[in-house]
């Protein structure tokens, strides 16, 4: 039977539609390939704060702060590396794998002893992801390293020490703070880090020349803390000024077996 011209054109249009629809079907052309669904976010790393200010820090040891990271995306992510901008900044991350909605912590320690002449510093921390194309997340810490008195306030001592005998038990360390400014200052505890677990103040308001006692509870159960410190703030009509106090671990050298410890004969 001979097919008319109209019938031939109908078959050609039908064949073109079928073939074109088959080629446009991703399940047929992209088998084995995966990609983000329309409107997908992918991994998205969010940091709790862009900068942490330690304020004034004596040039004797390390202070630290913990940043919180969260995955606000809709796919899992893996952290490849966390890197500080210089050798004076060290980091420690809690977990590297994060599902959507998960959070983790990054502790950042700043070694003020690396700057014996003092100065003001801003150090950056970059978090790199394994996922291809995912941007790095960058945040920072800032501090002013002091070699003498702060001027507006004095601390005695300017840092605290933890001896090996304190290991394994809670201990309280004390220091005094004196308001050297001409304004009334309101004292606040902003943060404790590492072995510092609590800070108690004998008073929170200091008139010019007045002093307060600061007591710090230290729990040296984990001697592998990246750094231990606490941060306080003095608030007055001129604004807020911060300062951080390092808690420095002391090392005790034990005499070797068969040797006699030397006696200190220096005069006092």
C-alpha atoms as a PDB file:
ATOM      1  CA  UNK A   1       0.000   0.000   0.000  1.00  0.00           C
ATOM      2  CA  UNK A   2       1.359   3.347  -1.008  1.00  0.00           C
ATOM      3  CA  UNK A   3       1.558   5.983   1.766  1.00  0.00           C
ATOM      4  CA  UNK A   4       0.522   9.492   0.948  1.00  0.00           C
ATOM      5  CA  UNK A   5       2.731  12.533   1.421  1.00  0.00           C
ATOM      6  CA  UNK A   6       0.781  13.584   4.512  1.00  0.00           C
ATOM      7  CA  UNK A   7       1.291  10.180   6.106  1.00  0.00           C
ATOM      8  CA  UNK A   8       5.051  10.275   5.518  1.00  0.00           C
ATOM      9  CA  UNK A   9       5.337  13.698   7.184  1.00  0.00           C
ATOM     10  CA  UNK A  10       3.323  12.458  10.179  1.00  0.00           C
ATOM     11  CA  UNK A  11       5.721   9.532  10.701  1.00  0.00           C
ATOM     12  CA  UNK A  12       8.771  11.796  10.463  1.00  0.00           C
ATOM     13  CA  UNK A  13       7.383  14.230  13.052  1.00  0.00           C
ATOM     14  CA  UNK A  14       6.497  11.345  15.385  1.00  0.00           C
ATOM     15  CA  UNK A  15       9.987   9.836  15.095  1.00  0.00           C
ATOM     16  CA  UNK A  16      11.647  13.208  15.712  1.00  0.00           C
ATOM     17  CA  UNK A  17       9.551  13.758  18.832  1.00  0.00           C
ATOM     18  CA  UNK A  18      10.409  10.342  20.270  1.00  0.00           C
ATOM     19  CA  UNK A  19      14.120  10.649  19.552  1.00  0.00           C
ATOM     20  CA  UNK A  20      14.278  14.218  20.843  1.00  0.00           C
ATOM     21  CA  UNK A  21      12.429  13.336  24.031  1.00  0.00           C
ATOM     22  CA  UNK A  22      14.748  10.356  24.603  1.00  0.00           C
ATOM     23  CA  UNK A  23      17.854  12.544  24.185  1.00  0.00           C
ATOM     24  CA  UNK A  24      16.504  15.216  26.534  1.00  0.00           C
ATOM     25  CA  UNK A  25      15.838  12.697  29.297  1.00  0.00           C
ATOM     26  CA  UNK A  26      18.733  13.036  31.796  1.00  0.00           C
ATOM     27  CA  UNK A  27      18.128   9.521  33.006  1.00  0.00           C
ATOM     28  CA  UNK A  28      19.047   8.295  29.509  1.00  0.00           C
ATOM     29  CA  UNK A  29      21.956  10.588  28.649  1.00  0.00           C
ATOM     30  CA  UNK A  30      23.572  11.067  32.098  1.00  0.00           C
ATOM     31  CA  UNK A  31      23.392   7.615  33.578  1.00  0.00           C
ATOM     32  CA  UNK A  32      25.976   7.229  36.322  1.00  0.00           C
ATOM     33  CA  UNK A  33      26.422  11.024  36.694  1.00  0.00           C
ATOM     34  CA  UNK A  34      25.153  12.952  39.705  1.00  0.00           C
ATOM     35  CA  UNK A  35      24.738  16.667  40.245  1.00  0.00           C
ATOM     36  CA  UNK A  36      22.992  19.084  42.568  1.00  0.00           C
ATOM     37  CA  UNK A  37      19.254  19.157  42.321  1.00  0.00           C
ATOM     38  CA  UNK A  38      17.644  22.422  41.212  1.00  0.00           C
ATOM     39  CA  UNK A  39      17.835  24.906  44.103  1.00  0.00           C
ATOM     40  CA  UNK A  40      20.398  22.843  46.061  1.00  0.00           C
ATOM     41  CA  UNK A  41      22.823  24.735  48.325  1.00  0.00           C
ATOM     42  CA  UNK A  42      25.591  22.181  48.714  1.00  0.00           C
ATOM     43  CA  UNK A  43      27.997  22.358  51.666  1.00  0.00           C
ATOM     44  CA  UNK A  44      27.997  25.712  53.475  1.00  0.00           C
ATOM     45  CA  UNK A  45      30.346  26.410  56.371  1.00  0.00           C
ATOM     46  CA  UNK A  46      29.296  29.140  58.813  1.00  0.00           C
ATOM     47  CA  UNK A  47      31.446  30.522  61.649  1.00  0.00           C
ATOM     48  CA  UNK A  48      30.020  31.824  64.927  1.00  0.00           C
ATOM     49  CA  UNK A  49      31.998  35.094  64.766  1.00  0.00           C
ATOM     50  CA  UNK A  50      34.390  36.718  62.341  1.00  0.00           C
ATOM     51  CA  UNK A  51      36.846  38.021  64.937  1.00  0.00           C
ATOM     52  CA  UNK A  52      37.703  37.452  68.578  1.00  0.00           C
ATOM     53  CA  UNK A  53      39.504  40.206  70.431  1.00  0.00           C
ATOM     54  CA  UNK A  54      41.800  39.162  73.282  1.00  0.00           C
ATOM     55  CA  UNK A  55      42.601  42.761  74.141  1.00  0.00           C
ATOM     56  CA  UNK A  56      45.779  43.412  76.107  1.00  0.00           C
ATOM     57  CA  UNK A  57      47.912  40.322  76.703  1.00  0.00           C
ATOM     58  CA  UNK A  58      51.226  40.084  78.609  1.00  0.00           C
ATOM     59  CA  UNK A  59      54.081  38.665  76.522  1.00  0.00           C
ATOM     60  CA  UNK A  60      54.511  35.533  78.621  1.00  0.00           C
ATOM     61  CA  UNK A  61      52.434  32.722  77.092  1.00  0.00           C
ATOM     62  CA  UNK A  62      49.407  31.523  75.179  1.00  0.00           C
ATOM     63  CA  UNK A  63      45.791  32.612  75.211  1.00  0.00           C
ATOM     64  CA  UNK A  64      43.015  30.805  73.359  1.00  0.00           C
ATOM     65  CA  UNK A  65      39.471  31.114  72.080  1.00  0.00           C
ATOM     66  CA  UNK A  66      37.057  28.543  70.636  1.00  0.00           C
ATOM     67  CA  UNK A  67      35.149  29.285  67.434  1.00  0.00           C
ATOM     68  CA  UNK A  68      32.062  27.267  66.537  1.00  0.00           C
ATOM     69  CA  UNK A  69      31.501  26.130  62.963  1.00  0.00           C
ATOM     70  CA  UNK A  70      28.248  24.779  61.526  1.00  0.00           C
ATOM     71  CA  UNK A  71      27.179  23.239  58.235  1.00  0.00           C
ATOM     72  CA  UNK A  72      24.259  25.367  57.038  1.00  0.00           C
ATOM     73  CA  UNK A  73      24.140  23.575  53.680  1.00  0.00           C
ATOM     74  CA  UNK A  74      22.109  20.587  52.514  1.00  0.00           C
ATOM     75  CA  UNK A  75      24.980  18.159  51.868  1.00  0.00           C
ATOM     76  CA  UNK A  76      27.730  16.787  54.077  1.00  0.00           C
ATOM     77  CA  UNK A  77      31.164  18.392  54.151  1.00  0.00           C
ATOM     78  CA  UNK A  78      34.655  17.377  55.238  1.00  0.00           C
ATOM     79  CA  UNK A  79      37.261  19.775  56.589  1.00  0.00           C
ATOM     80  CA  UNK A  80      40.656  19.132  55.037  1.00  0.00           C
ATOM     81  CA  UNK A  81      42.823  21.527  57.029  1.00  0.00           C
ATOM     82  CA  UNK A  82      42.734  24.405  59.502  1.00  0.00           C
ATOM     83  CA  UNK A  83      45.699  26.746  59.177  1.00  0.00           C
ATOM     84  CA  UNK A  84      46.828  29.860  61.054  1.00  0.00           C
ATOM     85  CA  UNK A  85      48.547  32.730  59.286  1.00  0.00           C
ATOM     86  CA  UNK A  86      51.826  32.355  61.207  1.00  0.00           C
ATOM     87  CA  UNK A  87      53.702  30.092  63.613  1.00  0.00           C
ATOM     88  CA  UNK A  88      52.460  32.053  66.635  1.00  0.00           C
ATOM     89  CA  UNK A  89      48.909  30.832  65.944  1.00  0.00           C
ATOM     90  CA  UNK A  90      48.030  27.169  66.487  1.00  0.00           C
ATOM     91  CA  UNK A  91      44.688  25.425  65.986  1.00  0.00           C
ATOM     92  CA  UNK A  92      42.839  22.298  67.026  1.00  0.00           C
ATOM     93  CA  UNK A  93      39.585  21.050  65.501  1.00  0.00           C
ATOM     94  CA  UNK A  94      37.033  18.823  67.210  1.00  0.00           C
ATOM     95  CA  UNK A  95      35.468  17.028  64.220  1.00  0.00           C
ATOM     96  CA  UNK A  96      36.266  17.242  60.523  1.00  0.00           C
ATOM     97  CA  UNK A  97      33.175  15.543  59.075  1.00  0.00           C
ATOM     98  CA  UNK A  98      29.900  17.441  59.300  1.00  0.00           C
ATOM     99  CA  UNK A  99      26.440  16.468  58.111  1.00  0.00           C
ATOM    100  CA  UNK A 100      23.868  19.184  57.380  1.00  0.00           C
ATOM    101  CA  UNK A 101      23.050  20.910  60.661  1.00  0.00           C
ATOM    102  CA  UNK A 102      26.134  19.573  62.502  1.00  0.00           C
ATOM    103  CA  UNK A 103      28.464  21.823  64.488  1.00  0.00           C
ATOM    104  CA  UNK A 104      32.112  21.523  65.467  1.00  0.00           C
ATOM    105  CA  UNK A 105      34.641  23.593  67.395  1.00  0.00           C
ATOM    106  CA  UNK A 106      37.985  25.077  66.390  1.00  0.00           C
ATOM    107  CA  UNK A 107      40.240  26.227  69.226  1.00  0.00           C
ATOM    108  CA  UNK A 108      42.745  28.922  68.251  1.00  0.00           C
ATOM    109  CA  UNK A 109      45.744  29.717  70.456  1.00  0.00           C
ATOM    110  CA  UNK A 110      47.909  32.835  70.176  1.00  0.00           C
ATOM    111  CA  UNK A 111      51.427  32.785  71.636  1.00  0.00           C
ATOM    112  CA  UNK A 112      52.177  36.288  72.916  1.00  0.00           C
ATOM    113  CA  UNK A 113      55.667  35.218  73.991  1.00  0.00           C
ATOM    114  CA  UNK A 114      56.642  35.226  70.306  1.00  0.00           C
ATOM    115  CA  UNK A 115      56.619  39.039  70.435  1.00  0.00           C
ATOM    116  CA  UNK A 116      58.997  40.167  73.217  1.00  0.00           C
ATOM    117  CA  UNK A 117      58.827  43.804  72.099  1.00  0.00           C
ATOM    118  CA  UNK A 118      55.025  43.891  72.021  1.00  0.00           C
ATOM    119  CA  UNK A 119      52.675  45.366  69.449  1.00  0.00           C
ATOM    120  CA  UNK A 120      49.152  45.069  68.033  1.00  0.00           C
ATOM    121  CA  UNK A 121      48.419  42.024  65.873  1.00  0.00           C
ATOM    122  CA  UNK A 122      45.643  40.484  63.792  1.00  0.00           C
ATOM    123  CA  UNK A 123      46.042  36.817  62.849  1.00  0.00           C
ATOM    124  CA  UNK A 124      43.817  34.966  60.398  1.00  0.00           C
ATOM    125  CA  UNK A 125      42.661  31.354  60.449  1.00  0.00           C
ATOM    126  CA  UNK A 126      41.560  29.580  57.260  1.00  0.00           C
ATOM    127  CA  UNK A 127      39.400  26.442  57.107  1.00  0.00           C
ATOM    128  CA  UNK A 128      39.745  24.455  53.860  1.00  0.00           C
ATOM    129  CA  UNK A 129      37.188  21.884  52.680  1.00  0.00           C
ATOM    130  CA  UNK A 130      37.725  18.645  50.768  1.00  0.00           C
ATOM    131  CA  UNK A 131      34.792  19.341  48.445  1.00  0.00           C
ATOM    132  CA  UNK A 132      35.915  20.666  45.067  1.00  0.00           C
ATOM    133  CA  UNK A 133      34.969  24.277  44.483  1.00  0.00           C
ATOM    134  CA  UNK A 134      33.950  24.929  48.089  1.00  0.00           C
ATOM    135  CA  UNK A 135      35.405  28.259  49.266  1.00  0.00           C
ATOM    136  CA  UNK A 136      37.646  28.432  52.336  1.00  0.00           C
ATOM    137  CA  UNK A 137      36.187  30.041  55.458  1.00  0.00           C
ATOM    138  CA  UNK A 138      38.434  32.677  57.048  1.00  0.00           C
ATOM    139  CA  UNK A 139      38.151  34.371  60.446  1.00  0.00           C
ATOM    140  CA  UNK A 140      40.598  36.126  62.762  1.00  0.00           C
ATOM    141  CA  UNK A 141      41.873  36.890  66.250  1.00  0.00           C
ATOM    142  CA  UNK A 142      43.365  40.165  67.469  1.00  0.00           C
ATOM    143  CA  UNK A 143      45.544  41.070  70.445  1.00  0.00           C
ATOM    144  CA  UNK A 144      47.800  43.808  71.788  1.00  0.00           C
ATOM    145  CA  UNK A 145      50.930  42.342  73.347  1.00  0.00           C
ATOM    146  CA  UNK A 146      52.180  44.412  76.283  1.00  0.00           C
ATOM    147  CA  UNK A 147      55.622  44.392  77.852  1.00  0.00           C
ATOM    148  CA  UNK A 148      54.779  46.573  80.859  1.00  0.00           C
ATOM    149  CA  UNK A 149      51.770  47.867  82.743  1.00  0.00           C
ATOM    150  CA  UNK A 150      48.497  48.351  80.872  1.00  0.00           C
ATOM    151  CA  UNK A 151      48.145  51.925  82.129  1.00  0.00           C
ATOM    152  CA  UNK A 152      44.392  51.883  82.770  1.00  0.00           C
ATOM    153  CA  UNK A 153      44.599  48.832  85.023  1.00  0.00           C
ATOM    154  CA  UNK A 154      47.238  46.825  86.871  1.00  0.00           C
ATOM    155  CA  UNK A 155      47.264  43.091  87.595  1.00  0.00           C
ATOM    156  CA  UNK A 156      49.272  41.314  90.255  1.00  0.00           C
ATOM    157  CA  UNK A 157      50.439  38.881  89.070  1.00  0.00           C
ATOM    158  CA  UNK A 158      49.940  39.471  85.318  1.00  0.00           C
ATOM    159  CA  UNK A 159      49.577  35.731  84.628  1.00  0.00           C
ATOM    160  CA  UNK A 160      48.937  32.517  86.553  1.00  0.00           C
ATOM    161  CA  UNK A 161      51.039  29.392  86.816  1.00  0.00           C
ATOM    162  CA  UNK A 162      50.071  25.732  87.112  1.00  0.00           C
ATOM    163  CA  UNK A 163      52.613  23.403  88.696  1.00  0.00           C
ATOM    164  CA  UNK A 164      52.884  19.635  88.134  1.00  0.00           C
ATOM    165  CA  UNK A 165      51.671  19.114  91.708  1.00  0.00           C
ATOM    166  CA  UNK A 166      48.308  20.587  90.659  1.00  0.00           C
ATOM    167  CA  UNK A 167      47.725  17.874  88.056  1.00  0.00           C
ATOM    168  CA  UNK A 168      44.619  15.812  88.638  1.00  0.00           C
ATOM    169  CA  UNK A 169      42.905  18.087  91.157  1.00  0.00           C
ATOM    170  CA  UNK A 170      41.045  21.362  91.097  1.00  0.00           C
ATOM    171  CA  UNK A 171      42.882  24.331  92.490  1.00  0.00           C
ATOM    172  CA  UNK A 172      42.081  28.013  92.972  1.00  0.00           C
ATOM    173  CA  UNK A 173      44.536  30.715  91.926  1.00  0.00           C
ATOM    174  CA  UNK A 174      44.204  34.367  92.937  1.00  0.00           C
ATOM    175  CA  UNK A 175      45.274  37.729  91.576  1.00  0.00           C
ATOM    176  CA  UNK A 176      44.461  41.392  92.226  1.00  0.00           C
ATOM    177  CA  UNK A 177      43.221  43.995  89.782  1.00  0.00           C
ATOM    178  CA  UNK A 178      43.450  47.762  90.409  1.00  0.00           C
ATOM    179  CA  UNK A 179      41.654  50.481  88.490  1.00  0.00           C
ATOM    180  CA  UNK A 180      44.324  53.000  87.416  1.00  0.00           C
ATOM    181  CA  UNK A 181      42.013  55.101  85.280  1.00  0.00           C
ATOM    182  CA  UNK A 182      40.101  58.244  86.272  1.00  0.00           C
ATOM    183  CA  UNK A 183      36.735  56.611  85.522  1.00  0.00           C
ATOM    184  CA  UNK A 184      34.608  54.033  87.302  1.00  0.00           C
ATOM    185  CA  UNK A 185      35.051  50.668  85.613  1.00  0.00           C
ATOM    186  CA  UNK A 186      32.628  47.747  85.486  1.00  0.00           C
ATOM    187  CA  UNK A 187      34.389  44.378  85.436  1.00  0.00           C
ATOM    188  CA  UNK A 188      32.981  41.483  83.401  1.00  0.00           C
ATOM    189  CA  UNK A 189      34.091  37.914  82.714  1.00  0.00           C
ATOM    190  CA  UNK A 190      33.882  37.222  78.978  1.00  0.00           C
ATOM    191  CA  UNK A 191      35.387  33.758  78.580  1.00  0.00           C
ATOM    192  CA  UNK A 192      37.390  30.957  80.164  1.00  0.00           C
ATOM    193  CA  UNK A 193      39.475  28.596  78.044  1.00  0.00           C
ATOM    194  CA  UNK A 194      41.429  25.374  78.496  1.00  0.00           C
ATOM    195  CA  UNK A 195      42.175  24.531  82.126  1.00  0.00           C
ATOM    196  CA  UNK A 196      40.418  27.656  83.419  1.00  0.00           C
ATOM    197  CA  UNK A 197      36.905  26.559  84.382  1.00  0.00           C
ATOM    198  CA  UNK A 198      35.489  29.444  86.420  1.00  0.00           C
ATOM    199  CA  UNK A 199      36.313  33.018  87.434  1.00  0.00           C
ATOM    200  CA  UNK A 200      34.949  34.717  90.552  1.00  0.00           C
ATOM    201  CA  UNK A 201      35.190  38.448  91.229  1.00  0.00           C
ATOM    202  CA  UNK A 202      35.091  39.993  94.703  1.00  0.00           C
ATOM    203  CA  UNK A 203      33.420  43.046  93.135  1.00  0.00           C
ATOM    204  CA  UNK A 204      32.296  44.037  89.670  1.00  0.00           C
ATOM    205  CA  UNK A 205      32.479  47.839  90.000  1.00  0.00           C
ATOM    206  CA  UNK A 206      35.767  49.616  90.587  1.00  0.00           C
ATOM    207  CA  UNK A 207      36.048  53.309  91.367  1.00  0.00           C
ATOM    208  CA  UNK A 208      39.347  55.008  90.498  1.00  0.00           C
ATOM    209  CA  UNK A 209      42.080  53.503  92.657  1.00  0.00           C
ATOM    210  CA  UNK A 210      39.940  50.619  93.929  1.00  0.00           C
ATOM    211  CA  UNK A 211      40.991  47.004  93.595  1.00  0.00           C
ATOM    212  CA  UNK A 212      39.239  43.653  93.401  1.00  0.00           C
ATOM    213  CA  UNK A 213      40.268  40.058  93.897  1.00  0.00           C
ATOM    214  CA  UNK A 214      40.043  37.603  91.015  1.00  0.00           C
ATOM    215  CA  UNK A 215      39.851  33.894  91.844  1.00  0.00           C
ATOM    216  CA  UNK A 216      40.232  31.325  89.058  1.00  0.00           C
ATOM    217  CA  UNK A 217      39.330  27.649  89.327  1.00  0.00           C
ATOM    218  CA  UNK A 218      41.785  25.553  87.363  1.00  0.00           C
ATOM    219  CA  UNK A 219      41.152  21.883  86.561  1.00  0.00           C
ATOM    220  CA  UNK A 220      44.403  20.410  85.244  1.00  0.00           C
ATOM    221  CA  UNK A 221      42.897  17.035  84.453  1.00  0.00           C
ATOM    222  CA  UNK A 222      43.845  17.367  80.780  1.00  0.00           C
ATOM    223  CA  UNK A 223      47.378  18.625  80.425  1.00  0.00           C
ATOM    224  CA  UNK A 224      47.120  18.484  76.618  1.00  0.00           C
ATOM    225  CA  UNK A 225      44.976  21.617  76.452  1.00  0.00           C
ATOM    226  CA  UNK A 226      46.031  23.720  73.511  1.00  0.00           C
ATOM    227  CA  UNK A 227      46.205  26.824  75.714  1.00  0.00           C
ATOM    228  CA  UNK A 228      44.570  28.056  78.908  1.00  0.00           C
ATOM    229  CA  UNK A 229      43.478  31.604  79.681  1.00  0.00           C
ATOM    230  CA  UNK A 230      40.556  33.816  80.603  1.00  0.00           C
ATOM    231  CA  UNK A 231      39.355  37.115  79.156  1.00  0.00           C
ATOM    232  CA  UNK A 232      37.909  40.022  81.145  1.00  0.00           C
ATOM    233  CA  UNK A 233      36.449  43.369  80.127  1.00  0.00           C
ATOM    234  CA  UNK A 234      36.415  46.762  81.820  1.00  0.00           C
ATOM    235  CA  UNK A 235      33.479  48.892  80.704  1.00  0.00           C
ATOM    236  CA  UNK A 236      33.318  52.639  81.354  1.00  0.00           C
ATOM    237  CA  UNK A 237      31.924  55.791  79.748  1.00  0.00           C
ATOM    238  CA  UNK A 238      34.784  55.609  77.244  1.00  0.00           C
ATOM    239  CA  UNK A 239      33.780  52.118  76.086  1.00  0.00           C
ATOM    240  CA  UNK A 240      35.088  48.611  76.611  1.00  0.00           C
ATOM    241  CA  UNK A 241      38.679  47.506  77.079  1.00  0.00           C
ATOM    242  CA  UNK A 242      39.605  43.848  77.197  1.00  0.00           C
ATOM    243  CA  UNK A 243      42.537  41.968  78.618  1.00  0.00           C
ATOM    244  CA  UNK A 244      43.392  38.269  78.660  1.00  0.00           C
ATOM    245  CA  UNK A 245      45.395  36.410  81.291  1.00  0.00           C
ATOM    246  CA  UNK A 246      47.498  33.385  80.254  1.00  0.00           C
ATOM    247  CA  UNK A 247      47.720  30.333  82.506  1.00  0.00           C
ATOM    248  CA  UNK A 248      51.248  29.060  82.096  1.00  0.00           C
ATOM    249  CA  UNK A 249      52.102  25.411  82.906  1.00  0.00           C
ATOM    250  CA  UNK A 250      55.313  24.934  84.845  1.00  0.00           C
ATOM    251  CA  UNK A 251      57.564  21.941  84.161  1.00  0.00           C
ATOM    252  CA  UNK A 252      59.470  20.245  86.917  1.00  0.00           C
ATOM    253  CA  UNK A 253      62.697  18.457  86.018  1.00  0.00           C
ATOM    254  CA  UNK A 254      63.143  15.336  88.100  1.00  0.00           C
ATOM    255  CA  UNK A 255      66.707  14.389  89.108  1.00  0.00           C
ATOM    256  CA  UNK A 256      68.052  11.311  87.397  1.00  0.00           C
ATOM    257  CA  UNK A 257      68.451   8.123  89.369  1.00  0.00           C
ATOM    258  CA  UNK A 258      71.825   7.992  91.125  1.00  0.00           C
ATOM    259  CA  UNK A 259      72.310  11.754  91.174  1.00  0.00           C
ATOM    260  CA  UNK A 260      71.975  14.186  94.029  1.00  0.00           C
ATOM    261  CA  UNK A 261      69.995  17.373  93.508  1.00  0.00           C
ATOM    262  CA  UNK A 262      72.161  20.483  93.786  1.00  0.00           C
ATOM    263  CA  UNK A 263      71.537  22.783  96.717  1.00  0.00           C
ATOM    264  CA  UNK A 264      70.752  26.407  96.026  1.00  0.00           C
ATOM    265  CA  UNK A 265      73.470  28.416  97.754  1.00  0.00           C
ATOM    266  CA  UNK A 266      72.535  31.831  96.384  1.00  0.00           C
ATOM    267  CA  UNK A 267      71.844  34.554  98.926  1.00  0.00           C
ATOM    268  CA  UNK A 268      68.408  36.110  99.260  1.00  0.00           C
END
